[in-house]
PDB file of N, CA and C in Angstrom:
ATOM      1  N   MET A   1     135.396  88.778 154.727  1.00  0.00           N
ATOM      2  CA  MET A   1     134.084  88.303 154.340  1.00  0.00           C
ATOM      3  C   MET A   1     134.164  87.539 153.019  1.00  0.00           C
ATOM      4  N   VAL A   2     134.890  88.087 152.058  1.00  0.00           N
ATOM      5  CA  VAL A   2     134.999  87.428 150.756  1.00  0.00           C
ATOM      6  C   VAL A   2     135.753  86.109 150.883  1.00  0.00           C
ATOM      7  N   GLN A   3     136.806  86.098 151.686  1.00  0.00           N
ATOM      8  CA  GLN A   3     137.584  84.865 151.867  1.00  0.00           C
ATOM      9  C   GLN A   3     136.718  83.750 152.456  1.00  0.00           C
ATOM     10  N   THR A   4     135.895  84.092 153.422  1.00  0.00           N
ATOM     11  CA  THR A   4     135.000  83.105 154.034  1.00  0.00           C
ATOM     12  C   THR A   4     133.997  82.575 153.016  1.00  0.00           C
ATOM     13  N   ALA A   5     133.473  83.475 152.184  1.00  0.00           N
ATOM     14  CA  ALA A   5     132.527  83.056 151.147  1.00  0.00           C
ATOM     15  C   ALA A   5     133.205  82.147 150.129  1.00  0.00           C
ATOM     16  N   LEU A   6     134.441  82.458 149.765  1.00  0.00           N
ATOM     17  CA  LEU A   6     135.171  81.603 148.825  1.00  0.00           C
ATOM     18  C   LEU A   6     135.414  80.215 149.416  1.00  0.00           C
ATOM     19  N   GLU A   7     135.735  80.173 150.695  1.00  0.00           N
ATOM     20  CA  GLU A   7     135.917  78.879 151.353  1.00  0.00           C
ATOM     21  C   GLU A   7     134.605  78.096 151.378  1.00  0.00           C
ATOM     22  N   GLY A   8     133.497  78.794 151.600  1.00  0.00           N
ATOM     23  CA  GLY A   8     132.191  78.149 151.585  1.00  0.00           C
ATOM     24  C   GLY A   8     131.835  77.602 150.217  1.00  0.00           C
ATOM     25  N   ILE A   9     132.159  78.362 149.180  1.00  0.00           N
ATOM     26  CA  ILE A   9     131.901  77.903 147.808  1.00  0.00           C
ATOM     27  C   ILE A   9     132.738  76.664 147.501  1.00  0.00           C
ATOM     28  N   THR A  10     133.993  76.681 147.918  1.00  0.00           N
ATOM     29  CA  THR A  10     134.863  75.523 147.695  1.00  0.00           C
ATOM     30  C   THR A  10     134.328  74.293 148.408  1.00  0.00           C
ATOM     31  N   LYS A  11     133.900  74.469 149.648  1.00  0.00           N
ATOM     32  CA  LYS A  11     133.355  73.345 150.412  1.00  0.00           C
ATOM     33  C   LYS A  11     132.068  72.818 149.768  1.00  0.00           C
ATOM     34  N   ALA A  12     131.211  73.729 149.305  1.00  0.00           N
ATOM     35  CA  ALA A  12     129.965  73.309 148.646  1.00  0.00           C
ATOM     36  C   ALA A  12     130.259  72.550 147.364  1.00  0.00           C
ATOM     37  N   ARG A  13     131.268  73.001 146.608  1.00  0.00           N
ATOM     38  CA  ARG A  13     131.646  72.329 145.364  1.00  0.00           C
ATOM     39  C   ARG A  13     132.149  70.919 145.662  1.00  0.00           C
ATOM     40  N   GLU A  14     132.969  70.793 146.695  1.00  0.00           N
ATOM     41  CA  GLU A  14     133.495  69.482 147.068  1.00  0.00           C
ATOM     42  C   GLU A  14     132.376  68.547 147.531  1.00  0.00           C
ATOM     43  N   GLN A  15     131.441  69.086 148.302  1.00  0.00           N
ATOM     44  CA  GLN A  15     130.312  68.282 148.785  1.00  0.00           C
ATOM     45  C   GLN A  15     129.451  67.827 147.607  1.00  0.00           C
ATOM     46  N   ALA A  16     129.219  68.718 146.649  1.00  0.00           N
ATOM     47  CA  ALA A  16     128.421  68.368 145.474  1.00  0.00           C
ATOM     48  C   ALA A  16     129.122  67.291 144.648  1.00  0.00           C
ATOM     49  N   ALA A  17     130.424  67.415 144.500  1.00  0.00           N
ATOM     50  CA  ALA A  17     131.179  66.426 143.726  1.00  0.00           C
ATOM     51  C   ALA A  17     131.109  65.050 144.390  1.00  0.00           C
ATOM     52  N   ALA A  18     131.267  65.020 145.698  1.00  0.00           N
ATOM     53  CA  ALA A  18     131.219  63.739 146.417  1.00  0.00           C
ATOM     54  C   ALA A  18     129.828  63.106 146.311  1.00  0.00           C
ATOM     55  N   SER A  19     128.791  63.917 146.486  1.00  0.00           N
ATOM     56  CA  SER A  19     127.420  63.405 146.398  1.00  0.00           C
ATOM     57  C   SER A  19     127.127  62.899 144.988  1.00  0.00           C
ATOM     58  N   SER A  20     127.579  63.636 143.996  1.00  0.00           N
ATOM     59  CA  SER A  20     127.351  63.242 142.604  1.00  0.00           C
ATOM     60  C   SER A  20     128.024  61.917 142.289  1.00  0.00           C
ATOM     61  N   GLN A  21     129.232  61.738 142.789  1.00  0.00           N
ATOM     62  CA  GLN A  21     129.936  60.475 142.552  1.00  0.00           C
ATOM     63  C   GLN A  21     129.201  59.304 143.193  1.00  0.00           C
ATOM     64  N   ARG A  22     128.724  59.517 144.415  1.00  0.00           N
ATOM     65  CA  ARG A  22     127.986  58.437 145.079  1.00  0.00           C
ATOM     66  C   ARG A  22     126.688  58.123 144.328  1.00  0.00           C
ATOM     67  N   LEU A  23     126.015  59.169 143.823  1.00  0.00           N
ATOM     68  CA  LEU A  23     124.780  58.949 143.060  1.00  0.00           C
ATOM     69  C   LEU A  23     125.061  58.220 141.751  1.00  0.00           C
ATOM     70  N   ALA A  24     126.163  58.550 141.109  1.00  0.00           N
ATOM     71  CA  ALA A  24     126.500  57.911 139.838  1.00  0.00           C
ATOM     72  C   ALA A  24     126.835  56.433 140.022  1.00  0.00           C
ATOM     73  N   LYS A  25     127.464  56.113 141.147  1.00  0.00           N
ATOM     74  CA  LYS A  25     127.829  54.718 141.408  1.00  0.00           C
ATOM     75  C   LYS A  25     126.615  53.877 141.774  1.00  0.00           C
ATOM     76  N   GLY A  26     125.616  54.543 142.431  1.00  0.00           N
ATOM     77  CA  GLY A  26     124.410  53.854 142.837  1.00  0.00           C
ATOM     78  C   GLY A  26     124.640  52.971 144.041  1.00  0.00           C
ATOM     79  N   PRO A  27     123.657  52.451 144.632  1.00  0.00           N
ATOM     80  CA  PRO A  27     122.250  52.804 144.399  1.00  0.00           C
ATOM     81  C   PRO A  27     121.954  54.209 144.932  1.00  0.00           C
ATOM     82  N   VAL A  28     120.885  54.782 144.409  1.00  0.00           N
ATOM     83  CA  VAL A  28     120.494  56.136 144.800  1.00  0.00           C
ATOM     84  C   VAL A  28     119.987  56.123 146.237  1.00  0.00           C
ATOM     85  N   GLU A  29     120.612  56.942 147.056  1.00  0.00           N
ATOM     86  CA  GLU A  29     120.230  57.074 148.463  1.00  0.00           C
ATOM     87  C   GLU A  29     119.672  58.480 148.683  1.00  0.00           C
ATOM     88  N   ALA A  30     118.645  58.576 149.496  1.00  0.00           N
ATOM     89  CA  ALA A  30     118.033  59.871 149.794  1.00  0.00           C
ATOM     90  C   ALA A  30     119.053  60.817 150.411  1.00  0.00           C
ATOM     91  N   GLU A  31     119.945  60.290 151.223  1.00  0.00           N
ATOM     92  CA  GLU A  31     120.979  61.102 151.876  1.00  0.00           C
ATOM     93  C   GLU A  31     121.850  61.832 150.852  1.00  0.00           C
ATOM     94  N   ASP A  32     122.157  61.167 149.748  1.00  0.00           N
ATOM     95  CA  ASP A  32     122.990  61.784 148.716  1.00  0.00           C
ATOM     96  C   ASP A  32     122.235  62.891 147.977  1.00  0.00           C
ATOM     97  N   ILE A  33     120.962  62.679 147.753  1.00  0.00           N
ATOM     98  CA  ILE A  33     120.143  63.707 147.093  1.00  0.00           C
ATOM     99  C   ILE A  33     120.028  64.930 147.989  1.00  0.00           C
ATOM    100  N   VAL A  34     119.798  64.707 149.274  1.00  0.00           N
ATOM    101  CA  VAL A  34     119.708  65.815 150.232  1.00  0.00           C
ATOM    102  C   VAL A  34     121.042  66.556 150.300  1.00  0.00           C
ATOM    103  N   SER A  35     122.138  65.826 150.331  1.00  0.00           N
ATOM    104  CA  SER A  35     123.464  66.430 150.385  1.00  0.00           C
ATOM    105  C   SER A  35     123.726  67.285 149.154  1.00  0.00           C
ATOM    106  N   LEU A  36     123.318  66.808 147.998  1.00  0.00           N
ATOM    107  CA  LEU A  36     123.488  67.560 146.762  1.00  0.00           C
ATOM    108  C   LEU A  36     122.674  68.852 146.798  1.00  0.00           C
ATOM    109  N   LYS A  37     121.463  68.775 147.294  1.00  0.00           N
ATOM    110  CA  LYS A  37     120.607  69.957 147.395  1.00  0.00           C
ATOM    111  C   LYS A  37     121.167  70.948 148.416  1.00  0.00           C
ATOM    112  N   LEU A  38     121.666  70.447 149.528  1.00  0.00           N
ATOM    113  CA  LEU A  38     122.280  71.327 150.528  1.00  0.00           C
ATOM    114  C   LEU A  38     123.502  72.047 149.969  1.00  0.00           C
ATOM    115  N   SER A  39     124.292  71.344 149.188  1.00  0.00           N
ATOM    116  CA  SER A  39     125.463  71.987 148.594  1.00  0.00           C
ATOM    117  C   SER A  39     125.047  73.069 147.601  1.00  0.00           C
ATOM    118  N   GLU A  40     123.942  72.855 146.901  1.00  0.00           N
ATOM    119  CA  GLU A  40     123.420  73.883 145.991  1.00  0.00           C
ATOM    120  C   GLU A  40     123.045  75.148 146.768  1.00  0.00           C
ATOM    121  N   HIS A  41     122.333  74.970 147.864  1.00  0.00           N
ATOM    122  CA  HIS A  41     121.928  76.121 148.676  1.00  0.00           C
ATOM    123  C   HIS A  41     123.137  76.819 149.300  1.00  0.00           C
ATOM    124  N   ALA A  42     124.112  76.042 149.752  1.00  0.00           N
ATOM    125  CA  ALA A  42     125.319  76.626 150.337  1.00  0.00           C
ATOM    126  C   ALA A  42     126.072  77.447 149.297  1.00  0.00           C
ATOM    127  N   PHE A  43     126.162  76.932 148.072  1.00  0.00           N
ATOM    128  CA  PHE A  43     126.839  77.654 146.999  1.00  0.00           C
ATOM    129  C   PHE A  43     126.131  78.980 146.720  1.00  0.00           C
ATOM    130  N   LYS A  44     124.808  78.922 146.601  1.00  0.00           N
ATOM    131  CA  LYS A  44     124.043  80.139 146.329  1.00  0.00           C
ATOM    132  C   LYS A  44     124.167  81.156 147.461  1.00  0.00           C
ATOM    133  N   ALA A  45     124.143  80.686 148.700  1.00  0.00           N
ATOM    134  CA  ALA A  45     124.257  81.587 149.849  1.00  0.00           C
ATOM    135  C   ALA A  45     125.617  82.265 149.873  1.00  0.00           C
ATOM    136  N   ASN A  46     126.664  81.515 149.626  1.00  0.00           N
ATOM    137  CA  ASN A  46     128.000  82.097 149.616  1.00  0.00           C
ATOM    138  C   ASN A  46     128.203  83.045 148.440  1.00  0.00           C
ATOM    139  N   ALA A  47     127.606  82.743 147.319  1.00  0.00           N
ATOM    140  CA  ALA A  47     127.671  83.662 146.182  1.00  0.00           C
ATOM    141  C   ALA A  47     126.940  84.969 146.514  1.00  0.00           C
ATOM    142  N   ALA A  48     125.837  84.880 147.238  1.00  0.00           N
ATOM    143  CA  ALA A  48     125.107  86.079 147.650  1.00  0.00           C
ATOM    144  C   ALA A  48     125.949  86.919 148.611  1.00  0.00           C
ATOM    145  N   VAL A  49     126.689  86.268 149.494  1.00  0.00           N
ATOM    146  CA  VAL A  49     127.579  86.990 150.406  1.00  0.00           C
ATOM    147  C   VAL A  49     128.648  87.727 149.612  1.00  0.00           C
ATOM    148  N   MET A  50     129.189  87.079 148.606  1.00  0.00           N
ATOM    149  CA  MET A  50     130.196  87.745 147.777  1.00  0.00           C
ATOM    150  C   MET A  50     129.603  88.951 147.055  1.00  0.00           C
ATOM    151  N   GLY A  51     128.387  88.823 146.581  1.00  0.00           N
ATOM    152  CA  GLY A  51     127.722  89.950 145.925  1.00  0.00           C
ATOM    153  C   GLY A  51     127.490  91.101 146.891  1.00  0.00           C
ATOM    154  N   ALA A  52     127.083  90.784 148.104  1.00  0.00           N
ATOM    155  CA  ALA A  52     126.861  91.818 149.117  1.00  0.00           C
ATOM    156  C   ALA A  52     128.169  92.513 149.468  1.00  0.00           C
ATOM    157  N   ALA A  53     129.237  91.753 149.572  1.00  0.00           N
ATOM    158  CA  ALA A  53     130.545  92.342 149.877  1.00  0.00           C
ATOM    159  C   ALA A  53     130.983  93.285 148.760  1.00  0.00           C
ATOM    160  N   LYS A  54     130.733  92.901 147.529  1.00  0.00           N
ATOM    161  CA  LYS A  54     131.077  93.765 146.388  1.00  0.00           C
ATOM    162  C   LYS A  54     130.281  95.058 146.431  1.00  0.00           C
ATOM    163  N   ARG A  55     128.980  94.951 146.718  1.00  0.00           N
ATOM    164  CA  ARG A  55     128.151  96.161 146.799  1.00  0.00           C
ATOM    165  C   ARG A  55     128.599  97.066 147.942  1.00  0.00           C
ATOM    166  N   MET A  56     128.973  96.467 149.067  1.00  0.00           N
ATOM    167  CA  MET A  56     129.453  97.267 150.197  1.00  0.00           C
ATOM    168  C   MET A  56     130.758  97.971 149.844  1.00  0.00           C
ATOM    169  N   GLN A  57     131.650  97.272 149.172  1.00  0.00           N
ATOM    170  CA  GLN A  57     132.918  97.870 148.763  1.00  0.00           C
ATOM    171  C   GLN A  57     132.678  99.010 147.778  1.00  0.00           C
ATOM    172  N   ASP A  58     131.791  98.790 146.822  1.00  0.00           N
ATOM    173  CA  ASP A  58     131.479  99.852 145.852  1.00  0.00           C
ATOM    174  C   ASP A  58     130.887 101.073 146.543  1.00  0.00           C
ATOM    175  N   ARG A  59     130.015 100.848 147.497  1.00  0.00           N
ATOM    176  CA  ARG A  59     129.386 101.949 148.230  1.00  0.00           C
ATOM    177  C   ARG A  59     130.424 102.717 149.035  1.00  0.00           C
ATOM    178  N   LEU A  60     131.342 101.997 149.661  1.00  0.00           N
ATOM    179  CA  LEU A  60     132.393 102.637 150.431  1.00  0.00           C
ATOM    180  C   LEU A  60     133.282 103.494 149.528  1.00  0.00           C
ATOM    181  N   LEU A  61     133.591 102.993 148.352  1.00  0.00           N
ATOM    182  CA  LEU A  61     134.387 103.783 147.408  1.00  0.00           C
ATOM    183  C   LEU A  61     133.629 105.037 146.968  1.00  0.00           C
ATOM    184  N   ASP A  62     132.322 104.920 146.796  1.00  0.00           N
ATOM    185  CA  ASP A  62     131.513 106.082 146.432  1.00  0.00           C
ATOM    186  C   ASP A  62     131.542 107.130 147.545  1.00  0.00           C
ATOM    187  N   ILE A  63     131.514 106.689 148.785  1.00  0.00           N
ATOM    188  CA  ILE A  63     131.526 107.628 149.917  1.00  0.00           C
ATOM    189  C   ILE A  63     132.833 108.385 149.966  1.00  0.00           C
ATOM    190  N   PHE A  64     133.943 107.699 149.724  1.00  0.00           N
ATOM    191  CA  PHE A  64     135.251 108.334 149.812  1.00  0.00           C
ATOM    192  C   PHE A  64     135.662 109.066 148.534  1.00  0.00           C
ATOM    193  N   ALA A  65     134.923 108.895 147.476  1.00  0.00           N
ATOM    194  CA  ALA A  65     135.276 109.540 146.198  1.00  0.00           C
ATOM    195  C   ALA A  65     134.923 111.006 146.173  1.00  0.00           C
TER     196      ALA A  65
END
């Protein structure tokens, strides 16, 4: 689960970087703004998955302790 979330974060970072470069070069296209926003949401979603995985791992350790 964590590995998948890390891959998602990496992909979101790459997508954000590409969109940002296109926006910086201009002209501003709506597609690039949407892509940047989608990468933001993807990053946040994958970070939430990592947080959930950490909480699940902590809970499992508590059960076995």
